[in-house]
Every structure is written in structure tokens, then in C-alpha cells.
Amino acid sequence: IVEETSFTLGDCSRANLNVDDNTLCYGENYIQFDLDNIGSIDLEGVTLWIVGNKNSYQIDLPDSDLKQGMQMGKKILYDFNTYGKIVQLQFIPKIRSDDSVLPCTKSSLEKDKVGEC
């Protein structure tokens, strides 16, 4: 278990994500969205936790390191048969602290309304 130091917690408070609701949607086998780093720290990556009404899973978004003020569009595969209807998405920013990359769960962004593309 990695204990977050006060230094790390302070850095995590600088992590802030936004997902444009107009771009957040799902298709037959995918979810897509635009992700913005609106915080005051560069992100090393983003983990997406998808909660479906059958099951949930977590994915480290590929190539999701985001400098401050940058935006990226993402489209990820999603299996509705396995995981069911999307109940919630949780976007968890990750930052570098010394030699480690740490998730900032308290700075996560939750979305529970996902429309069809």
C-alpha cells in the first residue's frame, strides 16, 4: 500500500479534470469524450473507472498524459454485454511524485449521465 504524503496530497489538490458533456457519449461498442486538464499540474495519465449495471472495470487510458491547459479526445472500446448499461464514469487523474505515478482519487471527476452518440 502506498501512503500518500502531505506533499503528494497537496499536489493532488492541483489536479483537476473536465469532460465536455457535449462530447461525452457512447456508441454500439465504445465510449468517447474530450478530456481537459484544467488543473495547475501536468498529469502523467488518467484512469477511467466504468461502472455498468452488470459489472465494472478500470482502464488506464493510453497516451493520456496531459500538460496543464491541454485537451485530448478519446474513444475507448466498451462491451455492453459484459458490463451492461453505463451507470457512472469516474475519471481519475494521475501525477508524478518523485519516481512514482500516483492516482489522485479525491480529485476524480464523476459523470453519471452519458448519452448516445
Protein backbone atom coordinates (compact mmCIF):
# COMPACT_ATOMS: atom_id res chain seq x y z
CA ILE A 1 0.00 0.00 0.00
CA VAL A 2 1.38 3.39 -0.98
CA GLU A 3 0.75 6.03 1.65
CA GLU A 4 0.10 9.49 0.28
CA THR A 5 2.30 12.05 1.98
CA SER A 6 1.09 15.57 2.68
CA PHE A 7 3.33 16.67 -0.21
CA THR A 8 1.53 14.29 -2.54
CA LEU A 9 -1.89 15.27 -1.24
CA GLY A 10 -1.02 18.89 -1.85
CA ASP A 11 -0.05 18.08 -5.42
CA CYS A 12 -3.23 16.06 -5.92
CA SER A 13 -5.27 19.09 -4.91
CA ARG A 14 -3.80 20.79 -8.01
CA ALA A 15 -5.11 18.03 -10.30
CA ASN A 16 -8.41 18.91 -11.95
CA LEU A 17 -10.12 17.33 -14.95
CA ASN A 18 -13.08 18.37 -17.04
CA VAL A 19 -15.05 16.33 -19.54
CA ASP A 20 -17.16 18.28 -22.01
CA ASP A 21 -20.70 16.92 -21.63
CA ASN A 22 -21.34 17.72 -25.31
CA THR A 23 -18.61 15.26 -26.34
CA LEU A 24 -19.33 12.52 -23.77
CA CYS A 25 -21.35 9.76 -25.42
CA TYR A 26 -21.50 6.07 -26.22
CA GLY A 27 -21.99 4.03 -29.36
CA GLU A 28 -22.61 0.36 -30.07
CA ASN A 29 -19.26 -0.77 -28.61
CA TYR A 30 -17.46 2.38 -27.48
CA ILE A 31 -17.43 5.45 -25.22
CA GLN A 32 -15.98 8.74 -26.43
CA PHE A 33 -15.20 12.06 -24.77
CA ASP A 34 -12.94 15.11 -24.72
CA LEU A 35 -10.81 15.42 -21.62
CA ASP A 36 -9.35 18.75 -20.41
CA ASN A 37 -6.61 19.29 -17.85
CA ILE A 38 -7.92 22.40 -16.08
CA GLY A 39 -5.67 21.92 -13.06
CA SER A 40 -2.38 23.57 -12.19
CA ILE A 41 -0.20 20.46 -12.57
CA ASP A 42 0.78 18.25 -15.50
CA LEU A 43 -0.91 14.85 -15.48
CA GLU A 44 1.03 11.65 -16.07
CA GLY A 45 -2.12 9.84 -17.13
CA VAL A 46 -5.78 9.22 -16.46
CA THR A 47 -7.53 6.09 -15.24
CA LEU A 48 -11.16 5.58 -16.18
CA TRP A 49 -13.35 3.51 -13.90
CA ILE A 50 -16.53 2.44 -15.69
CA VAL A 51 -19.45 1.22 -13.60
CA GLY A 52 -22.06 -0.71 -15.54
CA ASN A 53 -25.28 -2.19 -14.21
CA LYS A 54 -23.78 -5.72 -14.59
CA ASN A 55 -20.14 -5.18 -13.72
CA SER A 56 -17.38 -2.57 -13.59
CA TYR A 57 -13.83 -2.24 -14.76
CA GLN A 58 -10.89 0.11 -14.72
CA ILE A 59 -8.72 1.12 -17.67
CA ASP A 60 -5.57 3.22 -17.80
CA LEU A 61 -6.30 5.43 -20.78
CA PRO A 62 -3.47 5.03 -23.31
CA ASP A 63 -1.43 8.15 -24.11
CA SER A 64 -3.34 10.19 -21.54
CA ASP A 65 -0.53 12.33 -20.16
CA LEU A 66 -1.93 15.85 -20.27
CA LYS A 67 0.01 19.06 -19.76
CA GLN A 68 -1.75 21.95 -17.99
CA GLY A 69 -4.39 23.54 -20.21
CA MET A 70 -4.30 20.75 -22.80
CA GLN A 71 -7.25 18.78 -24.18
CA MET A 72 -7.48 15.37 -25.83
CA GLY A 73 -10.23 13.35 -27.46
CA LYS A 74 -10.55 9.68 -26.57
CA LYS A 75 -12.60 6.77 -27.89
CA ILE A 76 -12.39 3.51 -25.95
CA LEU A 77 -13.98 0.13 -26.54
CA TYR A 78 -16.80 -0.87 -24.21
CA ASP A 79 -18.61 -4.21 -24.06
CA PHE A 80 -22.25 -3.63 -23.11
CA ASN A 81 -22.93 -7.40 -23.00
CA THR A 82 -20.30 -7.91 -20.29
CA TYR A 83 -20.67 -4.71 -18.27
CA GLY A 84 -24.20 -3.56 -19.03
CA LYS A 85 -25.68 -0.10 -19.29
CA ILE A 86 -23.30 2.65 -18.14
CA VAL A 87 -24.19 3.80 -14.62
CA GLN A 88 -21.18 6.01 -13.90
CA LEU A 89 -17.79 7.02 -15.27
CA GLN A 90 -15.04 8.11 -12.92
CA PHE A 91 -12.00 9.86 -14.39
CA ILE A 92 -9.01 9.64 -12.03
CA PRO A 93 -6.01 11.90 -12.73
CA LYS A 94 -2.51 10.56 -12.07
CA ILE A 95 0.50 12.70 -11.17
CA ARG A 96 4.21 12.10 -10.77
CA SER A 97 5.64 12.31 -7.27
CA ASP A 98 9.36 11.63 -7.16
CA ASP A 99 9.79 8.33 -9.01
CA SER A 100 6.19 7.17 -8.69
CA VAL A 101 2.98 7.84 -10.58
CA LEU A 102 0.13 8.17 -8.12
CA PRO A 103 -3.65 8.26 -8.64
CA CYS A 104 -5.44 11.29 -7.20
CA THR A 105 -8.73 9.64 -6.30
CA LYS A 106 -10.01 12.64 -4.32
CA SER A 107 -9.59 14.78 -7.46
CA SER A 108 -11.56 12.38 -9.64
CA LEU A 109 -14.38 13.54 -11.88
CA GLU A 110 -17.63 11.57 -11.86
CA LYS A 111 -20.15 11.52 -14.68
CA ASP A 112 -23.44 9.64 -14.40
CA LYS A 113 -25.22 10.92 -17.50
CA VAL A 114 -23.88 9.51 -20.75
CA GLY A 115 -25.97 9.98 -23.87
CA GLU A 116 -25.92 8.15 -27.17
CA CYS A 117 -23.61 9.49 -29.90
